[in-house]
Amino acid sequence: MPIYCPSDTQDLVNRNEISNFALRYQCFLENEQDSGGKVKFSIDTMNLGDLQRAIVPLKNRQTNQLHYLAKSYRIFCGFYEIDGRLVIGLGGGHVQETNMTLEHVYGIPYLPGSTFKGVVRSWVIQEDFSNNENLAMRDIKDSDDEDLQEKKKAFFAVFGSQKSAGNVQFLPAYPIDNVPLSLDIMNPHFPNYYTGTELPTDTQNPIPINFLTVGQTPFRFVILAKEQDLINSAKDWVDKTLRDKGLGAKTASGYGYFRKRSGVPKSLRPNANFQIPLRSRPKKPNQISLDEAHKQFSNPNNPNPDPQLIDIMLVKNCAAQLAQVATRDDFIELGQLAGILPTLVESIEDSAMVSDFGKWIWDNLKTSLLSSRILELPRLIYSTAFRKTLKKLPSDELVDVQEELIAVSNQLEKSNGNMESVVVAKHFRCTPDADEGILTFWEYTKDEDTEG
């Protein structure tokens, strides 16, 4: 079955290996074509990837956050279970035209804090202000009776007004246990009537519409504020909203209602005295300086130092000079190695060759040196395009390419700029300047058959 996503993504993605349910549901639904060529999408609710596995770390993370917040805030933490089924985010954009709100990182159904707050606010307006939002948001007047004034003060304190922000925060509600998902169906019997083309007659063919629902799942609902009085007011509204008004879509059909969950472990409730264990990061081994490494290398009674523990920043600063001297068996003029560390070479008058320690350093740290930066080598010039190409190479390939360039640079040095004695691999395109004994490199390609 085809996957409807960019072609470069298709080559990299295996639908069956996607563990994030949100990604699978939003972008990688199973699909097939019917006899008329119309594409039909489906989701296998029995194969949910790591949907359930993601709940535990998210639950523990939020619990730790609540322990921390409890030190500064008053908190109401209520546990409610779906009494039937829940439909959330049904009208969101989706290829099936019916959607579900999923936490995009963890891939699990959840109730955003804004949704939670909005539904509670709507219930309060309905119950205390006769479903009149203008009345609820209007400033308090002296002519208002005492009961209305008290209701408006409580409403403004929790949800805010045009002049001030609310003082109660509504956190996203996440499931604390496994989430059973199942497909439900809407079956409009008069599709032509709804499109305005026919009367509602029994001759029309119903068109079933599938949508995804959350089964009986416990959620943790959290609100917090600085004052306990605000929490006392808001928690009663939360309780009545969840039990009597419901959340999500199709509440008129019985979806989205909750009942209080009992027997929830105390460990899931905020505790201001709880001490969150600190994560202990593994200690990074102490690095040794290059001088210390040289001492250990030169001491016959000690094993050679671990190359991984050597601080190679100083070596990186003279990597091009070390590359020249370590890859040649003859002497080089000392003036060409300006800036190289003395321990890496053995000098005789005005000439030098690699020392035993320098050779050992090159053999053990060559990969790190050549993969971390582009070396500026004698008699080689790189165009901007060539340099950009090298920067994009994988580290292992960059090492191989730079070793080839070092070999070319050494050939030019040995021949004193004689181009006839230099062999350049076919995957390099370069231009020689015979008078100066310099090669300018313009292009690199992996294709071995490309003409140089």
Protein backbone atom coordinates (compact mmCIF):
# COMPACT_ATOMS: atom_id res chain seq x y z
CA MET A 1 0.00 0.00 0.00
CA PRO A 2 1.33 3.47 -0.83
CA ILE A 3 2.41 5.89 1.86
CA TYR A 4 1.22 9.44 1.25
CA CYS A 5 4.24 11.46 2.34
CA PRO A 6 7.25 13.05 0.58
CA SER A 7 9.24 10.58 -1.53
CA ASP A 8 12.49 11.18 0.37
CA THR A 9 10.63 10.32 3.59
CA GLN A 10 9.19 7.13 2.10
CA ASP A 11 12.69 5.80 1.50
CA LEU A 12 13.64 6.28 5.15
CA VAL A 13 10.48 5.24 6.99
CA ASN A 14 9.04 1.81 7.69
CA ARG A 15 5.46 2.26 8.93
CA ASN A 16 5.66 -0.85 11.11
CA GLU A 17 8.72 0.49 12.95
CA ILE A 18 7.09 3.79 14.01
CA SER A 19 6.57 3.59 17.77
CA ASN A 20 4.96 7.03 18.23
CA PHE A 21 1.22 6.53 17.81
CA ALA A 22 0.59 10.24 17.09
CA LEU A 23 2.99 10.11 14.15
CA ARG A 24 1.44 6.93 12.81
CA TYR A 25 -2.10 8.23 13.18
CA GLN A 26 -1.41 11.66 11.68
CA CYS A 27 1.00 10.78 8.86
CA PHE A 28 1.25 7.03 8.27
CA LEU A 29 -2.24 5.53 8.23
CA GLU A 30 -2.76 2.26 6.40
CA ASN A 31 -4.62 2.81 3.15
CA GLU A 32 -6.05 0.97 0.21
CA GLN A 33 -8.01 1.77 -2.95
CA ASP A 34 -11.55 0.57 -3.51
CA SER A 35 -12.92 -0.59 -6.87
CA GLY A 36 -13.66 2.99 -7.85
CA GLY A 37 -10.09 4.13 -7.21
CA LYS A 38 -10.98 6.02 -4.05
CA VAL A 39 -8.39 5.82 -1.27
CA LYS A 40 -9.64 4.52 2.08
CA PHE A 41 -7.60 5.03 5.25
CA SER A 42 -7.70 2.85 8.34
CA ILE A 43 -5.96 2.46 11.69
CA ASP A 44 -5.27 -0.80 13.48
CA THR A 45 -6.28 -0.14 17.10
CA MET A 46 -4.79 -3.49 18.12
CA ASN A 47 -1.32 -2.37 17.03
CA LEU A 48 -0.61 0.85 18.90
CA GLY A 49 3.19 0.81 18.91
CA ASP A 50 4.61 2.14 22.18
CA LEU A 51 1.45 4.05 23.13
CA GLN A 52 1.06 2.29 26.49
CA ARG A 53 4.79 2.27 27.25
CA ALA A 54 4.94 6.07 26.99
CA ILE A 55 2.41 6.58 29.80
CA VAL A 56 4.67 5.51 32.69
CA PRO A 57 7.58 7.96 32.13
CA LEU A 58 5.13 10.79 31.44
CA LYS A 59 3.17 9.99 34.60
CA ASN A 60 6.35 9.91 36.70
CA ARG A 61 7.60 13.13 35.18
CA GLN A 62 4.40 15.02 35.97
CA THR A 63 4.34 13.55 39.50
CA ASN A 64 7.83 14.94 40.14
CA GLN A 65 6.72 18.31 38.77
CA LEU A 66 3.77 18.33 41.16
CA HIS A 67 6.03 17.54 44.13
CA TYR A 68 8.14 20.53 43.16
CA LEU A 69 5.13 22.84 42.58
CA ALA A 70 3.59 21.83 45.91
CA LYS A 71 6.37 23.73 47.68
CA SER A 72 5.01 27.04 46.31
CA TYR A 73 1.38 26.43 45.29
CA ARG A 74 -1.89 25.09 46.65
CA ILE A 75 -2.88 22.16 44.46
CA PHE A 76 -6.02 20.18 43.72
CA CYS A 77 -5.18 16.83 42.16
CA GLY A 78 -8.28 14.85 41.13
CA PHE A 79 -8.42 11.42 39.53
CA TYR A 80 -11.39 10.74 37.27
CA GLU A 81 -12.15 7.83 34.97
CA ILE A 82 -14.03 8.01 31.67
CA ASP A 83 -17.54 6.72 32.18
CA GLY A 84 -18.01 5.13 28.77
CA ARG A 85 -16.02 6.71 25.94
CA LEU A 86 -14.29 10.01 25.24
CA VAL A 87 -13.98 11.83 21.91
CA ILE A 88 -11.38 14.62 21.86
CA GLY A 89 -10.25 16.74 18.93
CA LEU A 90 -12.84 15.26 16.56
CA GLY A 91 -12.99 18.36 14.37
CA GLY A 92 -9.22 18.78 13.95
CA GLY A 93 -7.60 18.58 10.54
CA HIS A 94 -7.00 14.99 9.44
CA VAL A 95 -7.04 12.98 6.23
CA GLN A 96 -10.02 10.99 7.55
CA GLU A 97 -11.88 14.21 8.41
CA THR A 98 -12.17 12.94 12.00
CA ASN A 99 -9.25 13.52 14.32
CA MET A 100 -8.08 12.89 17.89
CA THR A 101 -6.00 15.13 20.14
CA LEU A 102 -2.68 13.36 20.79
CA GLU A 103 0.39 14.56 22.67
CA HIS A 104 2.85 14.84 19.78
CA VAL A 105 5.97 13.88 21.77
CA TYR A 106 4.59 10.90 23.67
CA GLY A 107 1.85 10.00 21.18
CA ILE A 108 -0.90 9.47 23.78
CA PRO A 109 -4.41 10.99 24.08
CA TYR A 110 -4.59 13.90 26.53
CA LEU A 111 -6.68 16.93 27.41
CA PRO A 112 -4.83 20.25 26.88
CA GLY A 113 -4.94 22.68 29.78
CA SER A 114 -6.74 25.24 27.60
CA THR A 115 -9.48 22.71 26.79
CA PHE A 116 -9.81 21.70 30.44
CA LYS A 117 -10.07 25.33 31.57
CA GLY A 118 -12.46 26.30 28.77
CA VAL A 119 -14.95 23.54 29.57
CA VAL A 120 -14.96 24.34 33.31
CA ARG A 121 -15.42 28.04 32.50
CA SER A 122 -18.29 27.19 30.13
CA TRP A 123 -20.01 25.15 32.87
CA VAL A 124 -19.73 28.02 35.37
CA ILE A 125 -21.22 30.47 32.84
CA GLN A 126 -24.04 28.03 32.17
CA GLU A 127 -24.84 27.36 35.83
CA ASP A 128 -24.16 30.69 37.52
CA PHE A 129 -24.90 33.18 34.74
CA SER A 130 -27.75 31.48 32.85
CA ASN A 131 -25.40 30.67 29.97
CA ASN A 132 -24.91 34.40 29.33
CA GLU A 133 -21.20 35.10 28.74
CA ASN A 134 -21.77 38.84 28.41
CA LEU A 135 -23.25 38.85 31.87
CA ALA A 136 -20.34 36.81 33.24
CA MET A 137 -17.70 39.10 31.71
CA ARG A 138 -19.44 42.40 32.52
CA ASP A 139 -17.88 44.50 35.26
CA ILE A 140 -19.54 44.33 38.66
CA LYS A 141 -22.16 47.07 39.17
CA ASP A 142 -23.56 48.48 42.38
CA SER A 143 -27.01 47.54 41.14
CA ASP A 144 -26.08 43.84 41.00
CA ASP A 145 -27.53 41.82 43.87
CA GLU A 146 -25.13 40.43 46.45
CA ASP A 147 -25.30 36.85 45.12
CA LEU A 148 -24.38 37.93 41.58
CA GLN A 149 -21.53 40.07 42.84
CA GLU A 150 -20.08 37.15 44.80
CA LYS A 151 -20.37 34.84 41.80
CA LYS A 152 -18.64 37.35 39.52
CA LYS A 153 -15.83 37.94 42.03
CA ALA A 154 -15.19 34.20 42.22
CA PHE A 155 -15.40 33.88 38.43
CA PHE A 156 -12.92 36.73 37.81
CA ALA A 157 -10.53 35.45 40.49
CA VAL A 158 -10.32 32.03 38.86
CA PHE A 159 -10.63 32.75 35.14
CA GLY A 160 -9.74 36.42 34.87
CA SER A 161 -11.53 39.33 33.22
CA GLN A 162 -10.80 41.99 30.63
CA LYS A 163 -8.85 43.91 33.29
CA SER A 164 -6.98 41.16 35.14
CA ALA A 165 -5.59 37.66 34.62
CA GLY A 166 -6.99 34.60 36.34
CA ASN A 167 -5.20 33.26 39.40
CA VAL A 168 -5.82 29.54 38.86
CA GLN A 169 -3.77 27.47 36.45
CA PHE A 170 -5.25 24.44 34.71
CA LEU A 171 -2.65 21.85 33.74
CA PRO A 172 -3.00 19.34 30.89
CA ALA A 173 -4.75 16.13 31.96
CA TYR A 174 -2.84 12.94 31.14
CA PRO A 175 -3.87 9.30 31.53
CA ILE A 176 -2.31 7.41 34.44
CA ASP A 177 -3.04 3.93 33.13
CA ASN A 178 -3.36 2.03 29.86
CA VAL A 179 -5.48 3.71 27.18
CA PRO A 180 -7.91 1.44 25.30
CA LEU A 181 -8.66 2.91 21.87
CA SER A 182 -11.50 1.75 19.67
CA LEU A 183 -13.24 2.80 16.49
CA ASP A 184 -16.75 4.14 16.66
CA ILE A 185 -19.08 5.04 13.83
CA MET A 186 -21.32 7.89 12.72
CA ASN A 187 -23.83 6.89 10.07
CA PRO A 188 -25.70 9.83 8.47
CA HIS A 189 -28.76 8.28 6.80
CA PHE A 190 -29.58 11.25 4.61
CA PRO A 191 -26.30 12.48 3.06
CA ASN A 192 -28.04 14.20 0.14
CA TYR A 193 -30.35 16.02 2.52
CA TYR A 194 -27.40 17.39 4.50
CA THR A 195 -25.79 18.64 1.28
CA GLY A 196 -29.06 20.38 0.35
CA THR A 197 -29.79 18.37 -2.81
CA GLU A 198 -32.69 16.13 -1.70
CA LEU A 199 -35.37 15.69 0.90
CA PRO A 200 -34.64 13.22 3.76
CA THR A 201 -35.90 10.05 2.06
CA ASP A 202 -35.12 6.38 2.73
CA THR A 203 -33.76 5.94 -0.80
CA GLN A 204 -30.41 7.50 0.10
CA ASN A 205 -27.36 5.40 0.96
CA PRO A 206 -25.90 5.95 4.43
CA ILE A 207 -22.20 6.81 4.46
CA PRO A 208 -20.50 5.38 7.60
CA ILE A 209 -17.83 7.63 9.13
CA ASN A 210 -15.32 6.06 11.52
CA PHE A 211 -13.79 8.00 14.38
CA LEU A 212 -11.39 7.08 17.18
CA THR A 213 -12.49 7.04 20.83
CA VAL A 214 -10.79 6.59 24.19
CA GLY A 215 -12.26 3.89 26.40
CA GLN A 216 -12.52 3.76 30.20
CA THR A 217 -9.24 5.39 31.19
CA PRO A 218 -8.27 7.20 34.43
CA PHE A 219 -6.94 10.75 34.02
CA ARG A 220 -5.22 13.06 36.48
CA PHE A 221 -6.73 16.57 36.57
CA VAL A 222 -4.64 19.26 38.26
CA ILE A 223 -5.29 22.91 39.11
CA LEU A 224 -3.02 25.13 41.19
CA ALA A 225 -3.11 28.58 42.75
CA LYS A 226 -1.40 30.59 45.46
CA GLU A 227 -4.49 30.76 47.67
CA GLN A 228 -6.44 27.81 49.07
CA ASP A 229 -9.80 29.64 48.77
CA LEU A 230 -9.38 29.79 45.00
CA ILE A 231 -8.64 26.06 44.89
CA ASN A 232 -11.72 25.32 46.98
CA SER A 233 -13.95 27.22 44.58
CA ALA A 234 -12.40 25.82 41.41
CA LYS A 235 -12.21 22.18 42.50
CA ASP A 236 -15.99 22.04 43.03
CA TRP A 237 -16.50 23.43 39.54
CA VAL A 238 -14.06 20.85 38.13
CA ASP A 239 -15.86 17.99 39.84
CA LYS A 240 -19.29 19.06 38.62
CA THR A 241 -18.02 19.79 35.10
CA LEU A 242 -16.46 16.35 34.67
CA ARG A 243 -19.47 14.50 36.07
CA ASP A 244 -22.35 16.62 34.72
CA LYS A 245 -21.14 18.47 31.61
CA GLY A 246 -18.44 16.21 30.18
CA LEU A 247 -15.43 16.95 28.01
CA GLY A 248 -14.81 16.63 24.31
CA ALA A 249 -17.25 16.07 21.46
CA LYS A 250 -20.66 14.39 21.33
CA THR A 251 -21.44 14.88 25.02
CA ALA A 252 -25.13 15.08 24.04
CA SER A 253 -24.80 11.45 22.93
CA GLY A 254 -23.26 10.37 26.23
CA TYR A 255 -19.56 10.69 25.40
CA GLY A 256 -16.98 12.44 27.56
CA TYR A 257 -18.46 12.03 31.05
CA PHE A 258 -16.25 11.10 34.00
CA ARG A 259 -16.64 9.46 37.39
CA LYS A 260 -14.36 9.83 40.38
CA ARG A 261 -11.61 7.21 40.59
CA SER A 262 -10.92 5.73 44.02
CA GLY A 263 -7.96 3.72 45.25
CA VAL A 264 -5.32 5.87 43.53
CA PRO A 265 -1.87 5.47 45.15
CA LYS A 266 -0.78 8.37 47.36
CA SER A 267 2.50 8.44 45.45
CA LEU A 268 0.67 10.04 42.50
CA ARG A 269 -0.49 12.98 44.62
CA PRO A 270 1.70 16.07 45.17
CA ASN A 271 3.78 16.07 48.34
CA ALA A 272 5.67 19.23 49.28
CA ASN A 273 8.00 17.23 51.55
CA PHE A 274 8.97 14.74 48.87
CA GLN A 275 12.66 14.83 48.02
CA ILE A 276 13.16 14.30 44.32
CA PRO A 277 16.26 12.12 43.82
CA LEU A 278 18.99 13.96 41.97
CA ARG A 279 20.24 12.40 38.80
CA SER A 280 23.87 11.48 39.08
CA ARG A 281 25.65 12.01 35.84
CA PRO A 282 28.47 9.61 35.06
CA LYS A 283 31.77 11.28 35.81
CA LYS A 284 33.83 12.12 32.81
CA PRO A 285 37.30 10.56 33.03
CA ASN A 286 40.04 13.08 33.73
CA GLN A 287 41.97 14.02 30.64
CA ILE A 288 45.76 14.15 30.66
CA SER A 289 47.87 16.78 28.99
CA LEU A 290 50.05 15.99 26.00
CA ASP A 291 53.18 16.49 28.15
CA GLU A 292 51.88 13.95 30.68
CA ALA A 293 51.08 11.54 27.84
CA HIS A 294 54.64 11.97 26.54
CA LYS A 295 56.08 11.21 29.98
CA GLN A 296 54.04 8.02 30.24
CA PHE A 297 54.94 7.01 26.69
CA SER A 298 58.65 7.57 27.36
CA ASN A 299 58.63 5.60 30.63
CA PRO A 300 59.40 1.94 29.84
CA ASN A 301 57.96 0.85 33.19
CA ASN A 302 54.48 2.25 32.40
CA PRO A 303 52.03 1.11 29.74
CA ASN A 304 51.24 3.65 27.05
CA PRO A 305 48.49 6.12 28.02
CA ASP A 306 44.91 5.62 26.87
CA PRO A 307 44.57 7.74 23.68
CA GLN A 308 40.92 8.48 24.55
CA LEU A 309 42.03 10.34 27.69
CA ILE A 310 44.51 12.64 25.97
CA ASP A 311 43.56 16.31 25.63
CA ILE A 312 44.12 16.74 21.91
CA MET A 313 43.25 20.44 21.58
CA LEU A 314 46.93 21.36 21.25
CA VAL A 315 47.42 18.62 18.64
CA LYS A 316 44.46 19.93 16.62
CA ASN A 317 46.15 23.32 16.36
CA CYS A 318 49.13 21.77 14.56
CA ALA A 319 47.30 18.86 12.88
CA ALA A 320 48.33 19.91 9.34
CA GLN A 321 52.04 19.97 10.28
CA LEU A 322 51.75 16.62 12.09
CA ALA A 323 50.00 15.13 9.05
CA GLN A 324 52.89 16.16 6.80
CA VAL A 325 55.67 14.82 8.98
CA ALA A 326 53.87 11.66 10.18
CA THR A 327 53.07 10.45 6.67
CA ARG A 328 56.61 10.81 5.29
CA ASP A 329 59.72 8.76 5.99
CA ASP A 330 62.25 11.44 5.03
CA PHE A 331 63.28 14.68 6.67
CA ILE A 332 61.37 17.93 6.19
CA GLU A 333 62.66 21.44 6.55
CA LEU A 334 61.88 22.56 10.07
CA GLY A 335 60.61 25.89 8.74
CA GLN A 336 57.69 24.07 7.08
CA LEU A 337 56.58 22.73 10.47
CA ALA A 338 56.26 26.07 12.25
CA GLY A 339 54.02 25.70 15.29
CA ILE A 340 54.35 21.94 15.71
CA LEU A 341 54.81 20.66 19.27
CA PRO A 342 58.46 19.74 19.96
CA THR A 343 57.57 16.31 21.39
CA LEU A 344 56.03 15.27 18.05
CA VAL A 345 59.26 15.60 16.01
CA GLU A 346 62.95 14.84 16.18
CA SER A 347 64.99 17.69 14.75
CA ILE A 348 68.54 17.70 13.40
CA GLU A 349 69.79 21.19 12.62
CA ASP A 350 67.24 22.68 10.20
CA SER A 351 65.42 19.41 9.40
CA ALA A 352 62.99 17.22 11.27
CA MET A 353 61.11 13.93 11.06
CA VAL A 354 58.34 12.46 13.18
CA SER A 355 59.29 11.19 16.65
CA ASP A 356 58.17 7.82 17.98
CA PHE A 357 55.70 9.64 20.22
CA GLY A 358 54.47 11.75 17.29
CA LYS A 359 53.95 8.62 15.20
CA TRP A 360 52.02 7.00 18.07
CA ILE A 361 49.87 10.12 18.47
CA TRP A 362 49.11 10.21 14.74
CA ASP A 363 48.20 6.51 14.58
CA ASN A 364 45.85 6.74 17.58
CA LEU A 365 44.31 10.19 17.10
CA LYS A 366 44.32 10.49 13.31
CA THR A 367 40.59 9.79 13.01
CA SER A 368 39.70 12.47 15.56
CA LEU A 369 42.02 15.00 13.95
CA LEU A 370 40.90 14.47 10.36
CA SER A 371 37.17 14.23 11.10
CA SER A 372 36.99 17.40 13.23
CA ARG A 373 38.40 19.97 10.80
CA ILE A 374 39.63 20.51 7.25
CA LEU A 375 43.42 20.72 7.17
CA GLU A 376 45.19 23.52 5.31
CA LEU A 377 47.90 21.59 3.46
CA PRO A 378 50.95 22.96 1.57
CA ARG A 379 50.50 23.58 -2.17
CA LEU A 380 46.74 22.80 -2.06
CA ILE A 381 43.99 25.39 -2.49
CA TYR A 382 40.30 24.54 -2.00
CA SER A 383 37.49 26.38 -3.74
CA THR A 384 34.49 27.45 -1.65
CA ALA A 385 32.30 24.79 -3.29
CA PHE A 386 34.90 22.09 -2.64
CA ARG A 387 35.26 23.13 1.00
CA LYS A 388 31.46 23.04 1.46
CA THR A 389 31.37 19.54 -0.01
CA LEU A 390 34.00 18.34 2.46
CA LYS A 391 32.04 19.81 5.39
CA LYS A 392 28.95 17.81 4.40
CA LEU A 393 30.77 14.46 4.24
CA PRO A 394 30.24 11.85 6.95
CA SER A 395 33.16 11.82 9.38
CA ASP A 396 34.55 8.46 8.21
CA GLU A 397 34.51 9.57 4.55
CA LEU A 398 36.06 12.93 5.43
CA VAL A 399 38.96 11.07 7.05
CA ASP A 400 39.54 9.00 3.88
CA VAL A 401 39.35 12.05 1.60
CA GLN A 402 41.78 14.07 3.71
CA GLU A 403 44.26 11.19 3.75
CA GLU A 404 44.21 11.28 -0.07
CA LEU A 405 44.76 15.03 -0.04
CA ILE A 406 47.68 14.66 2.39
CA ALA A 407 49.25 12.16 -0.02
CA VAL A 408 48.86 14.62 -2.93
CA SER A 409 50.38 17.44 -0.85
CA ASN A 410 53.37 15.22 0.03
CA GLN A 411 53.90 14.32 -3.62
CA LEU A 412 54.03 17.99 -4.56
CA GLU A 413 56.45 18.74 -1.73
CA LYS A 414 58.80 15.89 -2.67
CA SER A 415 58.76 16.86 -6.35
CA ASN A 416 59.18 20.54 -5.50
CA GLY A 417 56.03 21.42 -7.42
CA ASN A 418 56.63 19.18 -10.45
CA MET A 419 53.07 18.41 -11.62
CA GLU A 420 54.13 15.51 -13.82
CA SER A 421 55.01 13.36 -10.82
CA VAL A 422 51.67 13.94 -9.05
CA VAL A 423 48.77 11.46 -9.30
CA VAL A 424 45.31 12.71 -8.30
CA ALA A 425 42.37 10.32 -7.91
CA LYS A 426 39.62 10.58 -10.53
CA HIS A 427 36.97 11.67 -8.04
CA PHE A 428 38.80 15.00 -7.59
CA ARG A 429 38.53 17.77 -10.17
CA CYS A 430 41.44 20.18 -9.84
CA THR A 431 43.33 22.81 -11.81
CA PRO A 432 47.16 22.95 -11.70
CA ASP A 433 49.22 26.10 -11.59
CA ALA A 434 52.50 24.72 -12.95
CA ASP A 435 54.43 27.94 -12.39
CA GLU A 436 53.54 28.04 -8.69
CA GLY A 437 53.46 24.24 -8.14
CA ILE A 438 49.95 24.53 -6.69
CA LEU A 439 46.74 22.52 -7.24
CA THR A 440 43.34 24.18 -6.86
CA PHE A 441 40.59 21.67 -6.03
CA TRP A 442 37.12 22.46 -7.36
CA GLU A 443 34.97 19.37 -6.94
CA TYR A 444 34.80 16.01 -5.17
CA THR A 445 32.43 13.21 -6.14
CA LYS A 446 31.99 9.66 -4.82
CA ASP A 447 31.67 8.37 -8.39
CA GLU A 448 35.00 6.71 -9.20
CA ASP A 449 34.29 6.88 -12.95
CA THR A 450 34.14 10.68 -13.01
CA GLU A 451 36.90 12.13 -15.11
CA GLY A 452 39.46 14.17 -13.24
